[in-house]
Amino acid sequence: MTALAKVTSKGQITLPKEVRELLHIQTGSIVIFEKEEERLVVKTARTLRDFKGVLKGRQKQTDFEEMRKKAKEYVGKKGAQSGQE
């Protein structure tokens, strides 16, 4: 499928109806643009994982594996301490 869209002076485009229908895009849908080599891929966000990297804040990215490891260590230490009492 090939479709055209004109860019406005504000850098906006209107997605052609065929594209919106194909991707099930409705008012309020989040659209993700990904650069893959020399292509731009357009897709709709379906899960929270799809948003990874979209909203970049000042905070460091959370390493959930490291958090799990620390939680297990903490629980292990608490268990060892309660066994000493």
PDB file of N, CA and C in Angstrom:
ATOM      1  N   MET A   1       0.844  -1.179   0.000  1.00  0.00           N
ATOM      2  CA  MET A   1       0.000   0.000   0.000  1.00  0.00           C
ATOM      3  C   MET A   1       0.888   1.241   0.000  1.00  0.00           C
ATOM      4  N   THR A   2       0.508   2.217  -0.774  1.00  0.00           N
ATOM      5  CA  THR A   2       1.200   3.495  -0.824  1.00  0.00           C
ATOM      6  C   THR A   2       0.177   4.597  -0.620  1.00  0.00           C
ATOM      7  N   ALA A   3       0.501   5.555   0.232  1.00  0.00           N
ATOM      8  CA  ALA A   3      -0.394   6.683   0.477  1.00  0.00           C
ATOM      9  C   ALA A   3       0.450   7.944   0.617  1.00  0.00           C
ATOM     10  N   LEU A   4      -0.135   9.061   0.285  1.00  0.00           N
ATOM     11  CA  LEU A   4       0.556  10.344   0.369  1.00  0.00           C
ATOM     12  C   LEU A   4      -0.097  11.230   1.415  1.00  0.00           C
ATOM     13  N   ALA A   5       0.719  12.081   2.033  1.00  0.00           N
ATOM     14  CA  ALA A   5       0.216  13.072   2.982  1.00  0.00           C
ATOM     15  C   ALA A   5       1.058  14.325   2.821  1.00  0.00           C
ATOM     16  N   LYS A   6       0.428  15.461   2.886  1.00  0.00           N
ATOM     17  CA  LYS A   6       1.119  16.738   2.735  1.00  0.00           C
ATOM     18  C   LYS A   6       1.493  17.279   4.113  1.00  0.00           C
ATOM     19  N   VAL A   7       2.697  17.806   4.234  1.00  0.00           N
ATOM     20  CA  VAL A   7       3.184  18.372   5.492  1.00  0.00           C
ATOM     21  C   VAL A   7       2.788  19.843   5.550  1.00  0.00           C
ATOM     22  N   THR A   8       2.188  20.247   6.680  1.00  0.00           N
ATOM     23  CA  THR A   8       1.783  21.644   6.857  1.00  0.00           C
ATOM     24  C   THR A   8       2.978  22.482   7.299  1.00  0.00           C
ATOM     25  N   SER A   9       2.778  23.780   7.392  1.00  0.00           N
ATOM     26  CA  SER A   9       3.850  24.681   7.837  1.00  0.00           C
ATOM     27  C   SER A   9       4.265  24.400   9.278  1.00  0.00           C
ATOM     28  N   LYS A  10       3.399  23.728  10.046  1.00  0.00           N
ATOM     29  CA  LYS A  10       3.712  23.365  11.429  1.00  0.00           C
ATOM     30  C   LYS A  10       4.341  21.976  11.525  1.00  0.00           C
ATOM     31  N   GLY A  11       4.608  21.345  10.387  1.00  0.00           N
ATOM     32  CA  GLY A  11       5.218  20.018  10.395  1.00  0.00           C
ATOM     33  C   GLY A  11       4.232  18.896  10.649  1.00  0.00           C
ATOM     34  N   GLN A  12       2.951  19.169  10.512  1.00  0.00           N
ATOM     35  CA  GLN A  12       1.922  18.168  10.772  1.00  0.00           C
ATOM     36  C   GLN A  12       1.447  17.528   9.477  1.00  0.00           C
ATOM     37  N   ILE A  13       0.947  16.287   9.608  1.00  0.00           N
ATOM     38  CA  ILE A  13       0.325  15.622   8.471  1.00  0.00           C
ATOM     39  C   ILE A  13      -1.013  15.053   8.916  1.00  0.00           C
ATOM     40  N   THR A  14      -1.887  14.821   7.966  1.00  0.00           N
ATOM     41  CA  THR A  14      -3.123  14.093   8.230  1.00  0.00           C
ATOM     42  C   THR A  14      -2.930  12.708   7.648  1.00  0.00           C
ATOM     43  N   LEU A  15      -3.065  11.689   8.493  1.00  0.00           N
ATOM     44  CA  LEU A  15      -2.917  10.332   7.990  1.00  0.00           C
ATOM     45  C   LEU A  15      -4.092  10.004   7.080  1.00  0.00           C
ATOM     46  N   PRO A  16      -3.821   9.474   5.907  1.00  0.00           N
ATOM     47  CA  PRO A  16      -4.910   9.105   5.008  1.00  0.00           C
ATOM     48  C   PRO A  16      -5.834   8.074   5.663  1.00  0.00           C
ATOM     49  N   LYS A  17      -7.082   8.120   5.299  1.00  0.00           N
ATOM     50  CA  LYS A  17      -8.096   7.236   5.869  1.00  0.00           C
ATOM     51  C   LYS A  17      -7.680   5.771   5.761  1.00  0.00           C
ATOM     52  N   GLU A  18      -7.111   5.388   4.623  1.00  0.00           N
ATOM     53  CA  GLU A  18      -6.711   3.994   4.420  1.00  0.00           C
ATOM     54  C   GLU A  18      -5.660   3.561   5.450  1.00  0.00           C
ATOM     55  N   VAL A  19      -4.743   4.459   5.772  1.00  0.00           N
ATOM     56  CA  VAL A  19      -3.700   4.164   6.762  1.00  0.00           C
ATOM     57  C   VAL A  19      -4.320   4.043   8.148  1.00  0.00           C
ATOM     58  N   ARG A  20      -5.196   4.974   8.498  1.00  0.00           N
ATOM     59  CA  ARG A  20      -5.861   4.928   9.815  1.00  0.00           C
ATOM     60  C   ARG A  20      -6.645   3.639   9.982  1.00  0.00           C
ATOM     61  N   GLU A  21      -7.345   3.236   8.936  1.00  0.00           N
ATOM     62  CA  GLU A  21      -8.130   2.002   9.017  1.00  0.00           C
ATOM     63  C   GLU A  21      -7.225   0.780   9.112  1.00  0.00           C
ATOM     64  N   LEU A  22      -6.162   0.763   8.330  1.00  0.00           N
ATOM     65  CA  LEU A  22      -5.237  -0.370   8.332  1.00  0.00           C
ATOM     66  C   LEU A  22      -4.596  -0.570   9.701  1.00  0.00           C
ATOM     67  N   LEU A  23      -4.227   0.532  10.348  1.00  0.00           N
ATOM     68  CA  LEU A  23      -3.559   0.467  11.652  1.00  0.00           C
ATOM     69  C   LEU A  23      -4.522   0.612  12.829  1.00  0.00           C
ATOM     70  N   HIS A  24      -5.809   0.692  12.545  1.00  0.00           N
ATOM     71  CA  HIS A  24      -6.842   0.852  13.592  1.00  0.00           C
ATOM     72  C   HIS A  24      -6.569   2.084  14.447  1.00  0.00           C
ATOM     73  N   ILE A  25      -6.218   3.183  13.792  1.00  0.00           N
ATOM     74  CA  ILE A  25      -5.929   4.436  14.482  1.00  0.00           C
ATOM     75  C   ILE A  25      -7.214   5.235  14.626  1.00  0.00           C
ATOM     76  N   GLN A  26      -7.493   5.635  15.865  1.00  0.00           N
ATOM     77  CA  GLN A  26      -8.677   6.435  16.164  1.00  0.00           C
ATOM     78  C   GLN A  26      -8.226   7.701  16.879  1.00  0.00           C
ATOM     79  N   THR A  27      -9.153   8.603  17.096  1.00  0.00           N
ATOM     80  CA  THR A  27      -8.843   9.817  17.845  1.00  0.00           C
ATOM     81  C   THR A  27      -8.260   9.435  19.203  1.00  0.00           C
ATOM     82  N   GLY A  28      -7.125  10.012  19.537  1.00  0.00           N
ATOM     83  CA  GLY A  28      -6.473   9.721  20.809  1.00  0.00           C
ATOM     84  C   GLY A  28      -5.473   8.579  20.753  1.00  0.00           C
ATOM     85  N   SER A  29      -5.410   7.856  19.639  1.00  0.00           N
ATOM     86  CA  SER A  29      -4.439   6.763  19.512  1.00  0.00           C
ATOM     87  C   SER A  29      -3.020   7.322  19.556  1.00  0.00           C
ATOM     88  N   ILE A  30      -2.122   6.541  20.102  1.00  0.00           N
ATOM     89  CA  ILE A  30      -0.712   6.900  20.116  1.00  0.00           C
ATOM     90  C   ILE A  30      -0.046   6.198  18.937  1.00  0.00           C
ATOM     91  N   VAL A  31       0.684   6.975  18.144  1.00  0.00           N
ATOM     92  CA  VAL A  31       1.363   6.439  16.969  1.00  0.00           C
ATOM     93  C   VAL A  31       2.862   6.510  17.221  1.00  0.00           C
ATOM     94  N   ILE A  32       3.553   5.428  16.922  1.00  0.00           N
ATOM     95  CA  ILE A  32       4.995   5.347  17.122  1.00  0.00           C
ATOM     96  C   ILE A  32       5.683   5.387  15.763  1.00  0.00           C
ATOM     97  N   PHE A  33       6.720   6.215  15.662  1.00  0.00           N
ATOM     98  CA  PHE A  33       7.535   6.294  14.455  1.00  0.00           C
ATOM     99  C   PHE A  33       8.906   5.727  14.806  1.00  0.00           C
ATOM    100  N   GLU A  34       9.333   4.704  14.088  1.00  0.00           N
ATOM    101  CA  GLU A  34      10.637   4.094  14.329  1.00  0.00           C
ATOM    102  C   GLU A  34      11.461   4.126  13.053  1.00  0.00           C
ATOM    103  N   LYS A  35      12.708   4.557  13.179  1.00  0.00           N
ATOM    104  CA  LYS A  35      13.610   4.563  12.027  1.00  0.00           C
ATOM    105  C   LYS A  35      14.319   3.221  11.980  1.00  0.00           C
ATOM    106  N   GLU A  36      14.182   2.526  10.872  1.00  0.00           N
ATOM    107  CA  GLU A  36      14.861   1.251  10.653  1.00  0.00           C
ATOM    108  C   GLU A  36      15.647   1.374   9.360  1.00  0.00           C
ATOM    109  N   GLU A  37      16.958   1.466   9.504  1.00  0.00           N
ATOM    110  CA  GLU A  37      17.848   1.687   8.364  1.00  0.00           C
ATOM    111  C   GLU A  37      17.376   2.916   7.595  1.00  0.00           C
ATOM    112  N   GLU A  38      16.966   2.758   6.357  1.00  0.00           N
ATOM    113  CA  GLU A  38      16.534   3.900   5.544  1.00  0.00           C
ATOM    114  C   GLU A  38      15.012   4.029   5.484  1.00  0.00           C
ATOM    115  N   ARG A  39      14.298   3.375   6.406  1.00  0.00           N
ATOM    116  CA  ARG A  39      12.839   3.396   6.397  1.00  0.00           C
ATOM    117  C   ARG A  39      12.302   4.019   7.678  1.00  0.00           C
ATOM    118  N   LEU A  40      11.110   4.529   7.579  1.00  0.00           N
ATOM    119  CA  LEU A  40      10.392   5.007   8.751  1.00  0.00           C
ATOM    120  C   LEU A  40       9.173   4.112   8.910  1.00  0.00           C
ATOM    121  N   VAL A  41       9.093   3.423  10.035  1.00  0.00           N
ATOM    122  CA  VAL A  41       7.998   2.496  10.296  1.00  0.00           C
ATOM    123  C   VAL A  41       6.994   3.193  11.200  1.00  0.00           C
ATOM    124  N   VAL A  42       5.723   3.110  10.835  1.00  0.00           N
ATOM    125  CA  VAL A  42       4.646   3.712  11.614  1.00  0.00           C
ATOM    126  C   VAL A  42       3.802   2.583  12.182  1.00  0.00           C
ATOM    127  N   LYS A  43       3.593   2.619  13.503  1.00  0.00           N
ATOM    128  CA  LYS A  43       2.737   1.607  14.117  1.00  0.00           C
ATOM    129  C   LYS A  43       2.007   2.222  15.299  1.00  0.00           C
ATOM    130  N   THR A  44       0.970   1.541  15.738  1.00  0.00           N
ATOM    131  CA  THR A  44       0.212   2.031  16.888  1.00  0.00           C
ATOM    132  C   THR A  44       0.743   1.372  18.156  1.00  0.00           C
ATOM    133  N   ALA A  45       0.697   2.112  19.250  1.00  0.00           N
ATOM    134  CA  ALA A  45       1.118   1.586  20.546  1.00  0.00           C
ATOM    135  C   ALA A  45      -0.011   0.745  21.104  1.00  0.00           C
ATOM    136  N   ARG A  46       0.305  -0.458  21.519  1.00  0.00           N
ATOM    137  CA  ARG A  46      -0.718  -1.358  22.044  1.00  0.00           C
ATOM    138  C   ARG A  46      -0.507  -1.694  23.521  1.00  0.00           C
ATOM    139  N   THR A  47       0.736  -1.632  23.992  1.00  0.00           N
ATOM    140  CA  THR A  47       1.024  -1.963  25.383  1.00  0.00           C
ATOM    141  C   THR A  47       1.957  -0.908  25.968  1.00  0.00           C
ATOM    142  N   LEU A  48       2.138  -0.944  27.271  1.00  0.00           N
ATOM    143  CA  LEU A  48       3.067  -0.011  27.913  1.00  0.00           C
ATOM    144  C   LEU A  48       4.487  -0.219  27.413  1.00  0.00           C
ATOM    145  N   ARG A  49       4.836  -1.459  27.081  1.00  0.00           N
ATOM    146  CA  ARG A  49       6.174  -1.747  26.572  1.00  0.00           C
ATOM    147  C   ARG A  49       6.442  -0.981  25.284  1.00  0.00           C
ATOM    148  N   ASP A  50       5.389  -0.720  24.496  1.00  0.00           N
ATOM    149  CA  ASP A  50       5.548   0.032  23.254  1.00  0.00           C
ATOM    150  C   ASP A  50       6.020   1.460  23.509  1.00  0.00           C
ATOM    151  N   PHE A  51       5.783   1.969  24.707  1.00  0.00           N
ATOM    152  CA  PHE A  51       6.157   3.345  25.027  1.00  0.00           C
ATOM    153  C   PHE A  51       7.591   3.464  25.523  1.00  0.00           C
ATOM    154  N   LYS A  52       8.288   2.349  25.682  1.00  0.00           N
ATOM    155  CA  LYS A  52       9.652   2.366  26.209  1.00  0.00           C
ATOM    156  C   LYS A  52      10.517   3.320  25.388  1.00  0.00           C
ATOM    157  N   GLY A  53      11.097   4.285  26.057  1.00  0.00           N
ATOM    158  CA  GLY A  53      11.979   5.228  25.394  1.00  0.00           C
ATOM    159  C   GLY A  53      11.280   6.427  24.786  1.00  0.00           C
ATOM    160  N   VAL A  54       9.955   6.419  24.741  1.00  0.00           N
ATOM    161  CA  VAL A  54       9.227   7.528  24.129  1.00  0.00           C
ATOM    162  C   VAL A  54       9.260   8.752  25.027  1.00  0.00           C
ATOM    163  N   LEU A  55       8.982   8.555  26.309  1.00  0.00           N
ATOM    164  CA  LEU A  55       8.965   9.658  27.262  1.00  0.00           C
ATOM    165  C   LEU A  55      10.256   9.635  28.067  1.00  0.00           C
ATOM    166  N   LYS A  56      11.195  10.420  27.661  1.00  0.00           N
ATOM    167  CA  LYS A  56      12.486  10.436  28.340  1.00  0.00           C
ATOM    168  C   LYS A  56      12.491  11.536  29.395  1.00  0.00           C
ATOM    169  N   GLY A  57      12.761  11.141  30.617  1.00  0.00           N
ATOM    170  CA  GLY A  57      12.810  12.102  31.709  1.00  0.00           C
ATOM    171  C   GLY A  57      14.232  12.318  32.168  1.00  0.00           C
ATOM    172  N   ARG A  58      14.357  13.028  33.249  1.00  0.00           N
ATOM    173  CA  ARG A  58      15.684  13.299  33.795  1.00  0.00           C
ATOM    174  C   ARG A  58      16.189  12.149  34.646  1.00  0.00           C
ATOM    175  N   GLN A  59      15.268  11.305  35.079  1.00  0.00           N
ATOM    176  CA  GLN A  59      15.669  10.223  35.961  1.00  0.00           C
ATOM    177  C   GLN A  59      16.327   9.095  35.177  1.00  0.00           C
ATOM    178  N   LYS A  60      17.207   8.414  35.863  1.00  0.00           N
ATOM    179  CA  LYS A  60      17.889   7.269  35.280  1.00  0.00           C
ATOM    180  C   LYS A  60      16.869   6.143  35.085  1.00  0.00           C
ATOM    181  N   GLN A  61      17.042   5.377  34.018  1.00  0.00           N
ATOM    182  CA  GLN A  61      16.121   4.284  33.726  1.00  0.00           C
ATOM    183  C   GLN A  61      16.239   3.211  34.808  1.00  0.00           C
ATOM    184  N   THR A  62      15.114   2.680  35.240  1.00  0.00           N
ATOM    185  CA  THR A  62      15.078   1.688  36.302  1.00  0.00           C
ATOM    186  C   THR A  62      15.498   0.329  35.765  1.00  0.00           C
ATOM    187  N   ASP A  63      16.405  -0.322  36.467  1.00  0.00           N
ATOM    188  CA  ASP A  63      16.830  -1.672  36.124  1.00  0.00           C
ATOM    189  C   ASP A  63      16.061  -2.624  37.035  1.00  0.00           C
ATOM    190  N   PHE A  64      14.992  -3.212  36.502  1.00  0.00           N
ATOM    191  CA  PHE A  64      14.122  -4.047  37.318  1.00  0.00           C
ATOM    192  C   PHE A  64      14.818  -5.326  37.782  1.00  0.00           C
ATOM    193  N   GLU A  65      15.719  -5.865  36.981  1.00  0.00           N
ATOM    194  CA  GLU A  65      16.453  -7.054  37.403  1.00  0.00           C
ATOM    195  C   GLU A  65      17.314  -6.744  38.629  1.00  0.00           C
ATOM    196  N   GLU A  66      17.953  -5.588  38.619  1.00  0.00           N
ATOM    197  CA  GLU A  66      18.773  -5.178  39.759  1.00  0.00           C
ATOM    198  C   GLU A  66      17.889  -4.963  40.992  1.00  0.00           C
ATOM    199  N   MET A  67      16.704  -4.387  40.803  1.00  0.00           N
ATOM    200  CA  MET A  67      15.780  -4.183  41.924  1.00  0.00           C
ATOM    201  C   MET A  67      15.359  -5.526  42.520  1.00  0.00           C
ATOM    202  N   ARG A  68      15.059  -6.502  41.666  1.00  0.00           N
ATOM    203  CA  ARG A  68      14.667  -7.830  42.160  1.00  0.00           C
ATOM    204  C   ARG A  68      15.804  -8.461  42.968  1.00  0.00           C
ATOM    205  N   LYS A  69      17.021  -8.342  42.452  1.00  0.00           N
ATOM    206  CA  LYS A  69      18.186  -8.908  43.126  1.00  0.00           C
ATOM    207  C   LYS A  69      18.347  -8.296  44.515  1.00  0.00           C
ATOM    208  N   LYS A  70      18.236  -6.969  44.596  1.00  0.00           N
ATOM    209  CA  LYS A  70      18.384  -6.287  45.884  1.00  0.00           C
ATOM    210  C   LYS A  70      17.255  -6.655  46.844  1.00  0.00           C
ATOM    211  N   ALA A  71      16.044  -6.807  46.314  1.00  0.00           N
ATOM    212  CA  ALA A  71      14.910  -7.188  47.162  1.00  0.00           C
ATOM    213  C   ALA A  71      15.125  -8.585  47.737  1.00  0.00           C
ATOM    214  N   LYS A  72      15.622  -9.514  46.911  1.00  0.00           N
ATOM    215  CA  LYS A  72      15.889 -10.873  47.402  1.00  0.00           C
ATOM    216  C   LYS A  72      16.975 -10.860  48.472  1.00  0.00           C
ATOM    217  N   GLU A  73      18.014 -10.059  48.261  1.00  0.00           N
ATOM    218  CA  GLU A  73      19.085  -9.946  49.252  1.00  0.00           C
ATOM    219  C   GLU A  73      18.541  -9.389  50.563  1.00  0.00           C
ATOM    220  N   TYR A  74      17.691  -8.368  50.477  1.00  0.00           N
ATOM    221  CA  TYR A  74      17.116  -7.741  51.666  1.00  0.00           C
ATOM    222  C   TYR A  74      16.254  -8.743  52.433  1.00  0.00           C
ATOM    223  N   VAL A  75      15.399  -9.454  51.697  1.00  0.00           N
ATOM    224  CA  VAL A  75      14.526 -10.441  52.340  1.00  0.00           C
ATOM    225  C   VAL A  75      15.368 -11.542  52.970  1.00  0.00           C
ATOM    226  N   GLY A  76      16.429 -11.951  52.284  1.00  0.00           N
ATOM    227  CA  GLY A  76      17.319 -12.977  52.833  1.00  0.00           C
ATOM    228  C   GLY A  76      17.984 -12.519  54.119  1.00  0.00           C
ATOM    229  N   LYS A  77      18.429 -11.278  54.162  1.00  0.00           N
ATOM    230  CA  LYS A  77      19.066 -10.731  55.364  1.00  0.00           C
ATOM    231  C   LYS A  77      18.064 -10.633  56.508  1.00  0.00           C
ATOM    232  N   LYS A  78      16.844 -10.197  56.208  1.00  0.00           N
ATOM    233  CA  LYS A  78      15.819 -10.081  57.247  1.00  0.00           C
ATOM    234  C   LYS A  78      15.481 -11.459  57.806  1.00  0.00           C
ATOM    235  N   GLY A  79      15.411 -12.456  56.921  1.00  0.00           N
ATOM    236  CA  GLY A  79      15.128 -13.824  57.369  1.00  0.00           C
ATOM    237  C   GLY A  79      16.241 -14.356  58.249  1.00  0.00           C
ATOM    238  N   ALA A  80      17.477 -14.060  57.879  1.00  0.00           N
ATOM    239  CA  ALA A  80      18.628 -14.506  58.670  1.00  0.00           C
ATOM    240  C   ALA A  80      18.636 -13.818  60.029  1.00  0.00           C
ATOM    241  N   GLN A  81      18.284 -12.536  60.070  1.00  0.00           N
ATOM    242  CA  GLN A  81      18.261 -11.792  61.328  1.00  0.00           C
ATOM    243  C   GLN A  81      17.161 -12.307  62.241  1.00  0.00           C
ATOM    244  N   SER A  82      15.996 -12.623  61.685  1.00  0.00           N
ATOM    245  CA  SER A  82      14.904 -13.098  62.536  1.00  0.00           C
ATOM    246  C   SER A  82      15.201 -14.497  63.064  1.00  0.00           C
ATOM    247  N   GLY A  83      16.021 -15.260  62.366  1.00  0.00           N
ATOM    248  CA  GLY A  83      16.412 -16.585  62.839  1.00  0.00           C
ATOM    249  C   GLY A  83      17.404 -16.514  63.983  1.00  0.00           C
ATOM    250  N   GLN A  84      18.094 -15.387  64.137  1.00  0.00           N
ATOM    251  CA  GLN A  84      19.085 -15.211  65.202  1.00  0.00           C
ATOM    252  C   GLN A  84      18.436 -14.785  66.506  1.00  0.00           C
ATOM    253  N   GLU A  85      17.217 -14.317  66.434  1.00  0.00           N
ATOM    254  CA  GLU A  85      16.562 -13.787  67.643  1.00  0.00           C
ATOM    255  C   GLU A  85      16.085 -14.878  68.545  1.00  0.00           C
TER     256      GLU A  85
END
